[in-house]
PDB file of N, CA and C in Angstrom:
ATOM      1  N   MET A   1      91.224  84.163 -37.548  1.00  0.00           N
ATOM      2  CA  MET A   1      91.076  84.610 -36.186  1.00  0.00           C
ATOM      3  C   MET A   1      89.588  84.789 -35.856  1.00  0.00           C
ATOM      4  N   GLY A   2      88.824  85.433 -36.747  1.00  0.00           N
ATOM      5  CA  GLY A   2      87.441  85.695 -36.506  1.00  0.00           C
ATOM      6  C   GLY A   2      86.591  84.399 -36.449  1.00  0.00           C
ATOM      7  N   SER A   3      86.978  83.402 -37.248  1.00  0.00           N
ATOM      8  CA  SER A   3      86.229  82.142 -37.179  1.00  0.00           C
ATOM      9  C   SER A   3      86.503  81.382 -35.884  1.00  0.00           C
ATOM     10  N   MET A   4      87.660  81.569 -35.253  1.00  0.00           N
ATOM     11  CA  MET A   4      87.961  80.965 -33.972  1.00  0.00           C
ATOM     12  C   MET A   4      87.105  81.527 -32.869  1.00  0.00           C
ATOM     13  N   LYS A   5      86.963  82.847 -32.886  1.00  0.00           N
ATOM     14  CA  LYS A   5      86.102  83.520 -31.905  1.00  0.00           C
ATOM     15  C   LYS A   5      84.630  83.099 -32.071  1.00  0.00           C
ATOM     16  N   LEU A   6      84.183  82.957 -33.306  1.00  0.00           N
ATOM     17  CA  LEU A   6      82.838  82.535 -33.581  1.00  0.00           C
ATOM     18  C   LEU A   6      82.618  81.147 -33.062  1.00  0.00           C
ATOM     19  N   LEU A   7      83.588  80.247 -33.274  1.00  0.00           N
ATOM     20  CA  LEU A   7      83.505  78.856 -32.785  1.00  0.00           C
ATOM     21  C   LEU A   7      83.464  78.851 -31.236  1.00  0.00           C
ATOM     22  N   GLN A   8      84.275  79.676 -30.608  1.00  0.00           N
ATOM     23  CA  GLN A   8      84.264  79.759 -29.144  1.00  0.00           C
ATOM     24  C   GLN A   8      82.893  80.224 -28.652  1.00  0.00           C
ATOM     25  N   LEU A   9      82.354  81.238 -29.325  1.00  0.00           N
ATOM     26  CA  LEU A   9      81.045  81.764 -28.939  1.00  0.00           C
ATOM     27  C   LEU A   9      79.976  80.688 -29.062  1.00  0.00           C
ATOM     28  N   ILE A  10      79.963  79.933 -30.146  1.00  0.00           N
ATOM     29  CA  ILE A  10      79.000  78.889 -30.372  1.00  0.00           C
ATOM     30  C   ILE A  10      79.126  77.847 -29.259  1.00  0.00           C
ATOM     31  N   ILE A  11      80.340  77.484 -28.869  1.00  0.00           N
ATOM     32  CA  ILE A  11      80.547  76.508 -27.851  1.00  0.00           C
ATOM     33  C   ILE A  11      80.010  76.991 -26.491  1.00  0.00           C
ATOM     34  N   VAL A  12      80.319  78.288 -26.166  1.00  0.00           N
ATOM     35  CA  VAL A  12      79.837  78.857 -24.901  1.00  0.00           C
ATOM     36  C   VAL A  12      78.337  78.865 -24.875  1.00  0.00           C
ATOM     37  N   VAL A  13      77.683  79.311 -25.975  1.00  0.00           N
ATOM     38  CA  VAL A  13      76.232  79.382 -26.010  1.00  0.00           C
ATOM     39  C   VAL A  13      75.643  77.963 -25.841  1.00  0.00           C
ATOM     40  N   GLY A  14      76.242  76.985 -26.479  1.00  0.00           N
ATOM     41  CA  GLY A  14      75.804  75.613 -26.382  1.00  0.00           C
ATOM     42  C   GLY A  14      75.896  75.076 -24.932  1.00  0.00           C
ATOM     43  N   VAL A  15      77.010  75.376 -24.282  1.00  0.00           N
ATOM     44  CA  VAL A  15      77.199  74.926 -22.880  1.00  0.00           C
ATOM     45  C   VAL A  15      76.189  75.594 -21.967  1.00  0.00           C
ATOM     46  N   VAL A  16      76.001  76.891 -22.157  1.00  0.00           N
ATOM     47  CA  VAL A  16      75.030  77.631 -21.317  1.00  0.00           C
ATOM     48  C   VAL A  16      73.625  77.065 -21.562  1.00  0.00           C
ATOM     49  N   GLY A  17      73.310  76.763 -22.805  1.00  0.00           N
ATOM     50  CA  GLY A  17      71.981  76.174 -23.119  1.00  0.00           C
ATOM     51  C   GLY A  17      71.785  74.846 -22.441  1.00  0.00           C
ATOM     52  N   ILE A  18      72.785  73.998 -22.436  1.00  0.00           N
ATOM     53  CA  ILE A  18      72.720  72.691 -21.762  1.00  0.00           C
ATOM     54  C   ILE A  18      72.558  72.892 -20.257  1.00  0.00           C
ATOM     55  N   MET A  19      73.288  73.795 -19.686  1.00  0.00           N
ATOM     56  CA  MET A  19      73.231  74.061 -18.238  1.00  0.00           C
ATOM     57  C   MET A  19      71.822  74.578 -17.891  1.00  0.00           C
ATOM     58  N   PHE A  20      71.276  75.436 -18.702  1.00  0.00           N
ATOM     59  CA  PHE A  20      69.933  75.996 -18.445  1.00  0.00           C
ATOM     60  C   PHE A  20      68.873  74.888 -18.534  1.00  0.00           C
ATOM     61  N   ALA A  21      68.970  74.054 -19.567  1.00  0.00           N
ATOM     62  CA  ALA A  21      68.019  72.926 -19.687  1.00  0.00           C
ATOM     63  C   ALA A  21      68.138  71.965 -18.480  1.00  0.00           C
ATOM     64  N   SER A  22      69.364  71.696 -18.056  1.00  0.00           N
ATOM     65  CA  SER A  22      69.539  70.811 -16.925  1.00  0.00           C
ATOM     66  C   SER A  22      69.012  71.400 -15.631  1.00  0.00           C
ATOM     67  N   SER A  23      69.122  72.720 -15.508  1.00  0.00           N
ATOM     68  CA  SER A  23      68.676  73.322 -14.240  1.00  0.00           C
ATOM     69  C   SER A  23      67.172  73.192 -14.039  1.00  0.00           C
ATOM     70  N   HIS A  24      66.439  73.212 -15.103  1.00  0.00           N
ATOM     71  CA  HIS A  24      64.948  73.020 -14.995  1.00  0.00           C
ATOM     72  C   HIS A  24      64.662  71.648 -14.474  1.00  0.00           C
ATOM     73  N   LYS A  25      65.362  70.654 -15.029  1.00  0.00           N
ATOM     74  CA  LYS A  25      65.151  69.275 -14.526  1.00  0.00           C
ATOM     75  C   LYS A  25      65.564  69.152 -13.070  1.00  0.00           C
ATOM     76  N   ALA A  26      66.661  69.796 -12.698  1.00  0.00           N
ATOM     77  CA  ALA A  26      67.183  69.725 -11.336  1.00  0.00           C
ATOM     78  C   ALA A  26      66.194  70.400 -10.387  1.00  0.00           C
ATOM     79  N   LEU A  27      65.465  71.402 -10.805  1.00  0.00           N
ATOM     80  CA  LEU A  27      64.505  72.086  -9.946  1.00  0.00           C
ATOM     81  C   LEU A  27      63.223  71.258  -9.849  1.00  0.00           C
ATOM     82  N   GLY A  28      63.115  70.178 -10.602  1.00  0.00           N
ATOM     83  CA  GLY A  28      61.964  69.315 -10.535  1.00  0.00           C
ATOM     84  C   GLY A  28      60.748  69.835 -11.304  1.00  0.00           C
ATOM     85  N   GLU A  29      61.002  70.729 -12.224  1.00  0.00           N
ATOM     86  CA  GLU A  29      59.873  71.262 -13.016  1.00  0.00           C
ATOM     87  C   GLU A  29      59.348  70.154 -13.903  1.00  0.00           C
ATOM     88  N   GLN A  30      58.097  69.858 -13.802  1.00  0.00           N
ATOM     89  CA  GLN A  30      57.498  68.764 -14.538  1.00  0.00           C
ATOM     90  C   GLN A  30      56.789  69.269 -15.753  1.00  0.00           C
ATOM     91  N   ASP A  31      56.919  68.553 -16.836  1.00  0.00           N
ATOM     92  CA  ASP A  31      56.247  68.930 -18.074  1.00  0.00           C
ATOM     93  C   ASP A  31      54.894  68.177 -18.165  1.00  0.00           C
ATOM     94  N   CYS A  32      53.849  68.910 -17.900  1.00  0.00           N
ATOM     95  CA  CYS A  32      52.537  68.293 -17.929  1.00  0.00           C
ATOM     96  C   CYS A  32      51.648  68.966 -18.987  1.00  0.00           C
ATOM     97  N   TYR A  33      52.239  69.638 -19.966  1.00  0.00           N
ATOM     98  CA  TYR A  33      51.483  70.374 -20.964  1.00  0.00           C
ATOM     99  C   TYR A  33      50.631  69.396 -21.813  1.00  0.00           C
ATOM    100  N   ALA A  34      51.186  68.273 -22.184  1.00  0.00           N
ATOM    101  CA  ALA A  34      50.465  67.311 -23.001  1.00  0.00           C
ATOM    102  C   ALA A  34      49.231  66.807 -22.224  1.00  0.00           C
ATOM    103  N   ASP A  35      49.420  66.491 -20.949  1.00  0.00           N
ATOM    104  CA  ASP A  35      48.295  66.042 -20.102  1.00  0.00           C
ATOM    105  C   ASP A  35      47.269  67.152 -19.979  1.00  0.00           C
ATOM    106  N   LYS A  36      47.691  68.390 -19.871  1.00  0.00           N
ATOM    107  CA  LYS A  36      46.751  69.534 -19.762  1.00  0.00           C
ATOM    108  C   LYS A  36      45.904  69.585 -21.046  1.00  0.00           C
ATOM    109  N   ARG A  37      46.549  69.524 -22.188  1.00  0.00           N
ATOM    110  CA  ARG A  37      45.790  69.567 -23.437  1.00  0.00           C
ATOM    111  C   ARG A  37      44.775  68.433 -23.522  1.00  0.00           C
ATOM    112  N   THR A  38      45.171  67.253 -23.109  1.00  0.00           N
ATOM    113  CA  THR A  38      44.272  66.100 -23.144  1.00  0.00           C
ATOM    114  C   THR A  38      43.106  66.286 -22.199  1.00  0.00           C
ATOM    115  N   ILE A  39      43.345  66.669 -20.983  1.00  0.00           N
ATOM    116  CA  ILE A  39      42.290  66.886 -19.997  1.00  0.00           C
ATOM    117  C   ILE A  39      41.312  67.949 -20.451  1.00  0.00           C
ATOM    118  N   LEU A  40      41.875  69.110 -20.986  1.00  0.00           N
ATOM    119  CA  LEU A  40      40.987  70.163 -21.433  1.00  0.00           C
ATOM    120  C   LEU A  40      40.120  69.709 -22.609  1.00  0.00           C
ATOM    121  N   ARG A  41      40.622  68.852 -23.485  1.00  0.00           N
ATOM    122  CA  ARG A  41      39.846  68.364 -24.599  1.00  0.00           C
ATOM    123  C   ARG A  41      38.822  67.315 -24.178  1.00  0.00           C
ATOM    124  N   VAL A  42      39.269  66.337 -23.439  1.00  0.00           N
ATOM    125  CA  VAL A  42      38.375  65.198 -23.071  1.00  0.00           C
ATOM    126  C   VAL A  42      37.332  65.580 -22.032  1.00  0.00           C
ATOM    127  N   CYS A  43      37.703  66.478 -21.156  1.00  0.00           N
ATOM    128  CA  CYS A  43      36.791  66.859 -20.042  1.00  0.00           C
ATOM    129  C   CYS A  43      36.062  68.179 -20.270  1.00  0.00           C
ATOM    130  N   ILE A  44      36.051  68.686 -21.492  1.00  0.00           N
ATOM    131  CA  ILE A  44      35.521  70.002 -21.791  1.00  0.00           C
ATOM    132  C   ILE A  44      34.052  70.152 -21.316  1.00  0.00           C
ATOM    133  N   ASN A  45      33.246  69.114 -21.376  1.00  0.00           N
ATOM    134  CA  ASN A  45      31.847  69.205 -20.970  1.00  0.00           C
ATOM    135  C   ASN A  45      31.707  69.495 -19.481  1.00  0.00           C
ATOM    136  N   SER A  46      32.680  69.109 -18.702  1.00  0.00           N
ATOM    137  CA  SER A  46      32.647  69.342 -17.284  1.00  0.00           C
ATOM    138  C   SER A  46      33.226  70.694 -16.903  1.00  0.00           C
ATOM    139  N   ILE A  47      34.174  71.217 -17.684  1.00  0.00           N
ATOM    140  CA  ILE A  47      34.930  72.370 -17.218  1.00  0.00           C
ATOM    141  C   ILE A  47      34.744  73.599 -18.070  1.00  0.00           C
ATOM    142  N   LYS A  48      33.891  73.552 -19.117  1.00  0.00           N
ATOM    143  CA  LYS A  48      33.739  74.723 -19.991  1.00  0.00           C
ATOM    144  C   LYS A  48      33.077  75.836 -19.184  1.00  0.00           C
ATOM    145  N   ILE A  49      33.365  77.070 -19.586  1.00  0.00           N
ATOM    146  CA  ILE A  49      32.878  78.247 -18.860  1.00  0.00           C
ATOM    147  C   ILE A  49      31.373  78.267 -18.880  1.00  0.00           C
ATOM    148  N   SER A  50      30.775  78.061 -20.042  1.00  0.00           N
ATOM    149  CA  SER A  50      29.308  78.224 -20.153  1.00  0.00           C
ATOM    150  C   SER A  50      28.604  76.981 -19.553  1.00  0.00           C
ATOM    151  N   GLY A  51      27.451  77.240 -18.990  1.00  0.00           N
ATOM    152  CA  GLY A  51      26.633  76.186 -18.461  1.00  0.00           C
ATOM    153  C   GLY A  51      27.093  75.725 -17.066  1.00  0.00           C
ATOM    154  N   ASP A  52      26.318  74.744 -16.561  1.00  0.00           N
ATOM    155  CA  ASP A  52      26.584  74.208 -15.227  1.00  0.00           C
ATOM    156  C   ASP A  52      27.678  73.148 -15.349  1.00  0.00           C
ATOM    157  N   TYR A  53      28.307  72.849 -14.193  1.00  0.00           N
ATOM    158  CA  TYR A  53      29.244  71.754 -14.119  1.00  0.00           C
ATOM    159  C   TYR A  53      28.526  70.450 -14.442  1.00  0.00           C
ATOM    160  N   ALA A  54      29.126  69.649 -15.294  1.00  0.00           N
ATOM    161  CA  ALA A  54      28.545  68.317 -15.686  1.00  0.00           C
ATOM    162  C   ALA A  54      29.454  67.244 -15.090  1.00  0.00           C
ATOM    163  N   PRO A  55      28.823  66.198 -14.569  1.00  0.00           N
ATOM    164  CA  PRO A  55      29.634  65.072 -14.063  1.00  0.00           C
ATOM    165  C   PRO A  55      30.558  64.573 -15.159  1.00  0.00           C
ATOM    166  N   PRO A  56      31.791  64.200 -14.850  1.00  0.00           N
ATOM    167  CA  PRO A  56      32.728  63.783 -15.864  1.00  0.00           C
ATOM    168  C   PRO A  56      32.384  62.435 -16.480  1.00  0.00           C
ATOM    169  N   SER A  57      32.787  62.264 -17.728  1.00  0.00           N
ATOM    170  CA  SER A  57      32.634  60.955 -18.413  1.00  0.00           C
ATOM    171  C   SER A  57      33.603  59.954 -17.761  1.00  0.00           C
ATOM    172  N   TYR A  58      33.434  58.701 -18.089  1.00  0.00           N
ATOM    173  CA  TYR A  58      34.317  57.684 -17.587  1.00  0.00           C
ATOM    174  C   TYR A  58      35.749  57.963 -18.017  1.00  0.00           C
ATOM    175  N   LEU A  59      35.967  58.297 -19.281  1.00  0.00           N
ATOM    176  CA  LEU A  59      37.310  58.547 -19.789  1.00  0.00           C
ATOM    177  C   LEU A  59      37.914  59.775 -19.101  1.00  0.00           C
ATOM    178  N   CYS A  60      37.128  60.815 -18.939  1.00  0.00           N
ATOM    179  CA  CYS A  60      37.589  62.018 -18.239  1.00  0.00           C
ATOM    180  C   CYS A  60      38.027  61.672 -16.812  1.00  0.00           C
ATOM    181  N   ARG A  61      37.144  60.935 -16.106  1.00  0.00           N
ATOM    182  CA  ARG A  61      37.436  60.538 -14.724  1.00  0.00           C
ATOM    183  C   ARG A  61      38.726  59.751 -14.646  1.00  0.00           C
ATOM    184  N   HIS A  62      38.940  58.870 -15.546  1.00  0.00           N
ATOM    185  CA  HIS A  62      40.157  58.034 -15.577  1.00  0.00           C
ATOM    186  C   HIS A  62      41.387  58.916 -15.823  1.00  0.00           C
ATOM    187  N   LEU A  63      41.312  59.774 -16.822  1.00  0.00           N
ATOM    188  CA  LEU A  63      42.465  60.643 -17.111  1.00  0.00           C
ATOM    189  C   LEU A  63      42.804  61.549 -15.954  1.00  0.00           C
ATOM    190  N   VAL A  64      41.804  62.169 -15.359  1.00  0.00           N
ATOM    191  CA  VAL A  64      42.053  63.054 -14.219  1.00  0.00           C
ATOM    192  C   VAL A  64      42.653  62.270 -13.065  1.00  0.00           C
ATOM    193  N   GLY A  65      42.109  61.069 -12.849  1.00  0.00           N
ATOM    194  CA  GLY A  65      42.557  60.256 -11.693  1.00  0.00           C
ATOM    195  C   GLY A  65      44.003  59.785 -11.859  1.00  0.00           C
ATOM    196  N   THR A  66      44.538  59.795 -13.070  1.00  0.00           N
ATOM    197  CA  THR A  66      45.910  59.323 -13.309  1.00  0.00           C
ATOM    198  C   THR A  66      46.856  60.480 -13.691  1.00  0.00           C
ATOM    199  N   SER A  67      46.376  61.696 -13.604  1.00  0.00           N
ATOM    200  CA  SER A  67      47.210  62.841 -13.983  1.00  0.00           C
ATOM    201  C   SER A  67      47.614  63.634 -12.763  1.00  0.00           C
ATOM    202  N   ASP A  68      48.652  64.426 -12.911  1.00  0.00           N
ATOM    203  CA  ASP A  68      49.144  65.313 -11.851  1.00  0.00           C
ATOM    204  C   ASP A  68      48.341  66.643 -11.972  1.00  0.00           C
ATOM    205  N   MET A  69      47.197  66.690 -11.341  1.00  0.00           N
ATOM    206  CA  MET A  69      46.351  67.827 -11.528  1.00  0.00           C
ATOM    207  C   MET A  69      46.904  69.110 -10.940  1.00  0.00           C
ATOM    208  N   ALA A  70      47.743  68.983  -9.931  1.00  0.00           N
ATOM    209  CA  ALA A  70      48.400  70.178  -9.339  1.00  0.00           C
ATOM    210  C   ALA A  70      49.293  70.816 -10.397  1.00  0.00           C
ATOM    211  N   CYS A  71      49.999  69.968 -11.154  1.00  0.00           N
ATOM    212  CA  CYS A  71      50.862  70.498 -12.250  1.00  0.00           C
ATOM    213  C   CYS A  71      50.019  71.102 -13.321  1.00  0.00           C
ATOM    214  N   ILE A  72      48.965  70.430 -13.723  1.00  0.00           N
ATOM    215  CA  ILE A  72      48.057  70.949 -14.765  1.00  0.00           C
ATOM    216  C   ILE A  72      47.492  72.296 -14.353  1.00  0.00           C
ATOM    217  N   CYS A  73      47.065  72.409 -13.118  1.00  0.00           N
ATOM    218  CA  CYS A  73      46.573  73.702 -12.641  1.00  0.00           C
ATOM    219  C   CYS A  73      47.644  74.767 -12.641  1.00  0.00           C
ATOM    220  N   ARG A  74      48.862  74.404 -12.327  1.00  0.00           N
ATOM    221  CA  ARG A  74      49.976  75.389 -12.370  1.00  0.00           C
ATOM    222  C   ARG A  74      50.209  75.951 -13.757  1.00  0.00           C
ATOM    223  N   VAL A  75      49.954  75.156 -14.791  1.00  0.00           N
ATOM    224  CA  VAL A  75      50.173  75.599 -16.136  1.00  0.00           C
ATOM    225  C   VAL A  75      48.914  75.960 -16.903  1.00  0.00           C
ATOM    226  N   LEU A  76      47.862  76.291 -16.156  1.00  0.00           N
ATOM    227  CA  LEU A  76      46.598  76.744 -16.695  1.00  0.00           C
ATOM    228  C   LEU A  76      46.729  78.230 -16.937  1.00  0.00           C
ATOM    229  N   TRP A  77      46.898  78.640 -18.183  1.00  0.00           N
ATOM    230  CA  TRP A  77      47.187  80.038 -18.511  1.00  0.00           C
ATOM    231  C   TRP A  77      45.915  80.866 -18.674  1.00  0.00           C
ATOM    232  N   PRO A  78      46.021  82.198 -18.579  1.00  0.00           N
ATOM    233  CA  PRO A  78      44.838  83.047 -18.777  1.00  0.00           C
ATOM    234  C   PRO A  78      44.135  82.756 -20.076  1.00  0.00           C
ATOM    235  N   SER A  79      44.883  82.429 -21.141  1.00  0.00           N
ATOM    236  CA  SER A  79      44.239  82.139 -22.420  1.00  0.00           C
ATOM    237  C   SER A  79      43.399  80.875 -22.317  1.00  0.00           C
ATOM    238  N   ASP A  80      43.780  79.895 -21.465  1.00  0.00           N
ATOM    239  CA  ASP A  80      42.968  78.687 -21.271  1.00  0.00           C
ATOM    240  C   ASP A  80      41.677  79.090 -20.582  1.00  0.00           C
ATOM    241  N   GLU A  81      41.742  80.050 -19.678  1.00  0.00           N
ATOM    242  CA  GLU A  81      40.578  80.444 -18.886  1.00  0.00           C
ATOM    243  C   GLU A  81      39.530  81.265 -19.705  1.00  0.00           C
ATOM    244  N   HIS A  82      39.842  81.485 -20.959  1.00  0.00           N
ATOM    245  CA  HIS A  82      38.795  82.046 -21.860  1.00  0.00           C
ATOM    246  C   HIS A  82      37.831  80.976 -22.281  1.00  0.00           C
ATOM    247  N   VAL A  83      38.263  79.704 -22.125  1.00  0.00           N
ATOM    248  CA  VAL A  83      37.479  78.564 -22.561  1.00  0.00           C
ATOM    249  C   VAL A  83      37.008  77.677 -21.402  1.00  0.00           C
ATOM    250  N   VAL A  84      37.891  77.485 -20.425  1.00  0.00           N
ATOM    251  CA  VAL A  84      37.564  76.633 -19.282  1.00  0.00           C
ATOM    252  C   VAL A  84      37.544  77.376 -17.962  1.00  0.00           C
ATOM    253  N   SER A  85      36.816  76.867 -17.050  1.00  0.00           N
ATOM    254  CA  SER A  85      36.679  77.476 -15.737  1.00  0.00           C
ATOM    255  C   SER A  85      37.662  76.799 -14.739  1.00  0.00           C
ATOM    256  N   ALA A  86      38.544  77.601 -14.158  1.00  0.00           N
ATOM    257  CA  ALA A  86      39.431  77.101 -13.143  1.00  0.00           C
ATOM    258  C   ALA A  86      38.693  76.511 -11.962  1.00  0.00           C
ATOM    259  N   ALA A  87      37.573  77.135 -11.595  1.00  0.00           N
ATOM    260  CA  ALA A  87      36.763  76.630 -10.460  1.00  0.00           C
ATOM    261  C   ALA A  87      36.204  75.253 -10.769  1.00  0.00           C
ATOM    262  N   LYS A  88      35.742  75.068 -12.001  1.00  0.00           N
ATOM    263  CA  LYS A  88      35.209  73.756 -12.395  1.00  0.00           C
ATOM    264  C   LYS A  88      36.353  72.693 -12.506  1.00  0.00           C
ATOM    265  N   LEU A  89      37.549  73.142 -12.879  1.00  0.00           N
ATOM    266  CA  LEU A  89      38.695  72.250 -12.935  1.00  0.00           C
ATOM    267  C   LEU A  89      39.054  71.812 -11.534  1.00  0.00           C
ATOM    268  N   ILE A  90      38.997  72.693 -10.558  1.00  0.00           N
ATOM    269  CA  ILE A  90      39.258  72.344  -9.129  1.00  0.00           C
ATOM    270  C   ILE A  90      38.206  71.353  -8.672  1.00  0.00           C
ATOM    271  N   ARG A  91      36.933  71.568  -9.006  1.00  0.00           N
ATOM    272  CA  ARG A  91      35.900  70.621  -8.616  1.00  0.00           C
ATOM    273  C   ARG A  91      36.086  69.296  -9.276  1.00  0.00           C
ATOM    274  N   LEU A  92      36.444  69.302 -10.582  1.00  0.00           N
ATOM    275  CA  LEU A  92      36.660  68.041 -11.307  1.00  0.00           C
ATOM    276  C   LEU A  92      37.785  67.243 -10.617  1.00  0.00           C
ATOM    277  N   SER A  93      38.850  67.920 -10.309  1.00  0.00           N
ATOM    278  CA  SER A  93      39.954  67.257  -9.632  1.00  0.00           C
ATOM    279  C   SER A  93      39.528  66.567  -8.381  1.00  0.00           C
ATOM    280  N   SER A  94      38.747  67.236  -7.567  1.00  0.00           N
ATOM    281  CA  SER A  94      38.241  66.705  -6.330  1.00  0.00           C
ATOM    282  C   SER A  94      37.324  65.542  -6.556  1.00  0.00           C
ATOM    283  N   ASP A  95      36.395  65.714  -7.517  1.00  0.00           N
ATOM    284  CA  ASP A  95      35.432  64.633  -7.836  1.00  0.00           C
ATOM    285  C   ASP A  95      36.118  63.353  -8.331  1.00  0.00           C
ATOM    286  N   CYS A  96      37.304  63.506  -8.878  1.00  0.00           N
ATOM    287  CA  CYS A  96      38.034  62.353  -9.420  1.00  0.00           C
ATOM    288  C   CYS A  96      39.109  61.837  -8.486  1.00  0.00           C
ATOM    289  N   GLY A  97      39.058  62.272  -7.220  1.00  0.00           N
ATOM    290  CA  GLY A  97      40.000  61.781  -6.209  1.00  0.00           C
ATOM    291  C   GLY A  97      41.362  62.438  -6.274  1.00  0.00           C
ATOM    292  N   GLN A  98      41.478  63.623  -6.895  1.00  0.00           N
ATOM    293  CA  GLN A  98      42.724  64.317  -6.976  1.00  0.00           C
ATOM    294  C   GLN A  98      42.599  65.700  -6.369  1.00  0.00           C
ATOM    295  N   ALA A  99      42.050  65.785  -5.177  1.00  0.00           N
ATOM    296  CA  ALA A  99      41.826  67.070  -4.558  1.00  0.00           C
ATOM    297  C   ALA A  99      43.146  67.852  -4.448  1.00  0.00           C
ATOM    298  N   LEU A 100      43.092  69.105  -4.828  1.00  0.00           N
ATOM    299  CA  LEU A 100      44.285  69.968  -4.804  1.00  0.00           C
ATOM    300  C   LEU A 100      44.521  70.503  -3.410  1.00  0.00           C
ATOM    301  N   PRO A 101      45.773  70.656  -3.027  1.00  0.00           N
ATOM    302  CA  PRO A 101      46.081  71.145  -1.677  1.00  0.00           C
ATOM    303  C   PRO A 101      45.556  72.571  -1.505  1.00  0.00           C
ATOM    304  N   VAL A 102      45.042  72.852  -0.332  1.00  0.00           N
ATOM    305  CA  VAL A 102      44.566  74.190  -0.005  1.00  0.00           C
ATOM    306  C   VAL A 102      45.774  75.129  -0.119  1.00  0.00           C
ATOM    307  N   GLY A 103      45.528  76.266  -0.745  1.00  0.00           N
ATOM    308  CA  GLY A 103      46.611  77.261  -0.974  1.00  0.00           C
ATOM    309  C   GLY A 103      47.305  77.129  -2.298  1.00  0.00           C
ATOM    310  N   SER A 104      47.074  75.975  -3.014  1.00  0.00           N
ATOM    311  CA  SER A 104      47.731  75.831  -4.325  1.00  0.00           C
ATOM    312  C   SER A 104      46.990  76.696  -5.338  1.00  0.00           C
ATOM    313  N   LYS A 105      47.670  76.995  -6.468  1.00  0.00           N
ATOM    314  CA  LYS A 105      47.072  77.789  -7.529  1.00  0.00           C
ATOM    315  C   LYS A 105      46.501  76.866  -8.618  1.00  0.00           C
ATOM    316  N   CYS A 106      45.371  77.301  -9.141  1.00  0.00           N
ATOM    317  CA  CYS A 106      44.776  76.677 -10.313  1.00  0.00           C
ATOM    318  C   CYS A 106      44.406  77.781 -11.266  1.00  0.00           C
ATOM    319  N   GLY A 107      45.258  78.034 -12.204  1.00  0.00           N
ATOM    320  CA  GLY A 107      45.027  79.206 -13.096  1.00  0.00           C
ATOM    321  C   GLY A 107      45.043  80.469 -12.262  1.00  0.00           C
ATOM    322  N   SER A 108      43.976  81.258 -12.378  1.00  0.00           N
ATOM    323  CA  SER A 108      43.937  82.536 -11.635  1.00  0.00           C
ATOM    324  C   SER A 108      43.402  82.379 -10.205  1.00  0.00           C
ATOM    325  N   LEU A 109      42.971  81.179  -9.857  1.00  0.00           N
ATOM    326  CA  LEU A 109      42.388  80.942  -8.508  1.00  0.00           C
ATOM    327  C   LEU A 109      43.362  80.272  -7.556  1.00  0.00           C
ATOM    328  N   THR A 110      43.066  80.516  -6.271  1.00  0.00           N
ATOM    329  CA  THR A 110      43.818  79.820  -5.194  1.00  0.00           C
ATOM    330  C   THR A 110      42.817  78.867  -4.564  1.00  0.00           C
ATOM    331  N   VAL A 111      43.232  77.605  -4.406  1.00  0.00           N
ATOM    332  CA  VAL A 111      42.340  76.641  -3.749  1.00  0.00           C
ATOM    333  C   VAL A 111      42.144  76.979  -2.327  1.00  0.00           C
ATOM    334  N   GLU A 112      40.898  77.173  -1.881  1.00  0.00           N
ATOM    335  CA  GLU A 112      40.621  77.654  -0.528  1.00  0.00           C
ATOM    336  C   GLU A 112      40.118  76.529   0.382  1.00  0.00           C
ATOM    337  N   THR A 113      39.407  75.596  -0.153  1.00  0.00           N
ATOM    338  CA  THR A 113      38.879  74.490   0.685  1.00  0.00           C
ATOM    339  C   THR A 113      38.945  73.228  -0.135  1.00  0.00           C
ATOM    340  N   GLN A 114      38.883  72.100   0.553  1.00  0.00           N
ATOM    341  CA  GLN A 114      38.808  70.808  -0.163  1.00  0.00           C
ATOM    342  C   GLN A 114      37.381  70.329  -0.011  1.00  0.00           C
ATOM    343  N   ARG A 115      36.843  69.858  -1.104  1.00  0.00           N
ATOM    344  CA  ARG A 115      35.477  69.309  -1.100  1.00  0.00           C
ATOM    345  C   ARG A 115      35.524  67.898  -0.522  1.00  0.00           C
ATOM    346  N   SER A 116      34.485  67.541   0.178  1.00  0.00           N
ATOM    347  CA  SER A 116      34.341  66.185   0.686  1.00  0.00           C
ATOM    348  C   SER A 116      33.943  65.260  -0.452  1.00  0.00           C
ATOM    349  N   PRO A 117      34.496  64.062  -0.491  1.00  0.00           N
ATOM    350  CA  PRO A 117      34.167  63.144  -1.598  1.00  0.00           C
ATOM    351  C   PRO A 117      32.732  62.694  -1.547  1.00  0.00           C
TER     352      PRO A 117
END
């Protein structure tokens, strides 16, 4: 009798897990964590906290130009901001033709204006 209840519990937990995983896809939540890691690594000279903003390399420009920068900004965590500047990431996005919408979040910052190309 106890093993039957355990089996039922396992099935219920499994079904709930599947429903939860499906609901994130249904809400349109995009997984851009791998792109974020790549951008932060390849573009570090442009977005690191220390020093002035540096123009992006060709590879950095290409990666930013083909990435969903709004998603990357949404998943920029406070721990990332110990290394990279959200303000420089916003500028980098704009410089690479991926200007973020006014009012959107990029880490701890809110985009207030769009830079002219």
